[in-house]
Amino acid sequence: MENITLYRRRLIPDEIVHLKDDVVLYHDDTVIITKWKTIKPRKDMDHGFSAYLLKEGIKVSKFYRADNSLLYWYCDIVDYEYDATTNSYTSTDLLTDVVLYPDGQIRVLDLDELAEASVKDMITKDQLHSALVRTDKLLNTMYQKTFDQYTKLIDRYDI
């Protein structure tokens, strides 16, 4: 498996981070599976796994505490760009996030940031539309109890 390079682009704040310590466990033209440790040490979160769903525009992550207990599933709504010359992917965070807690509680985050980015022309109308459609689709998988289609991708590597 050839090495790929991963970057995360945030709009608020405006930054690009090279995810140099993430370990790619699997990748093909539809998904990239990684394991990682938190970039900045935190008391509540220590490590996890992520599935970059390249065709769907979402990134599903399984976050763990230091004691290896599940904290939650965290889903980013994103756009992906592939650069063939560097064999790298950049995921641009479209701001909206959805969290699924182990008890089944669902929380949608950062809609205010999505609105701010839209008003300040930090995202295009098409990106705003995509973010809302993808968020709706993701929430429906949770409501309809079909979110396991995503968790299975990670759980096979989470040994």
Foldseek 3Di string as FASTA:
>chain_A
DDDEWEWEAEVVVGDIDTQVAWAFPDDDPAWTKTKFFDPDDDQAWGIWMWIDGQVLQKIWIFTAGPVRDTAWIKMFRWHWDADPVRRYIYTYGLQWMWIAGPVLDIDIDRPVVNVVCVVVVVDDPVSSVSSVVSVVVCVVCSVVVNNVVRVVVHVVVVD
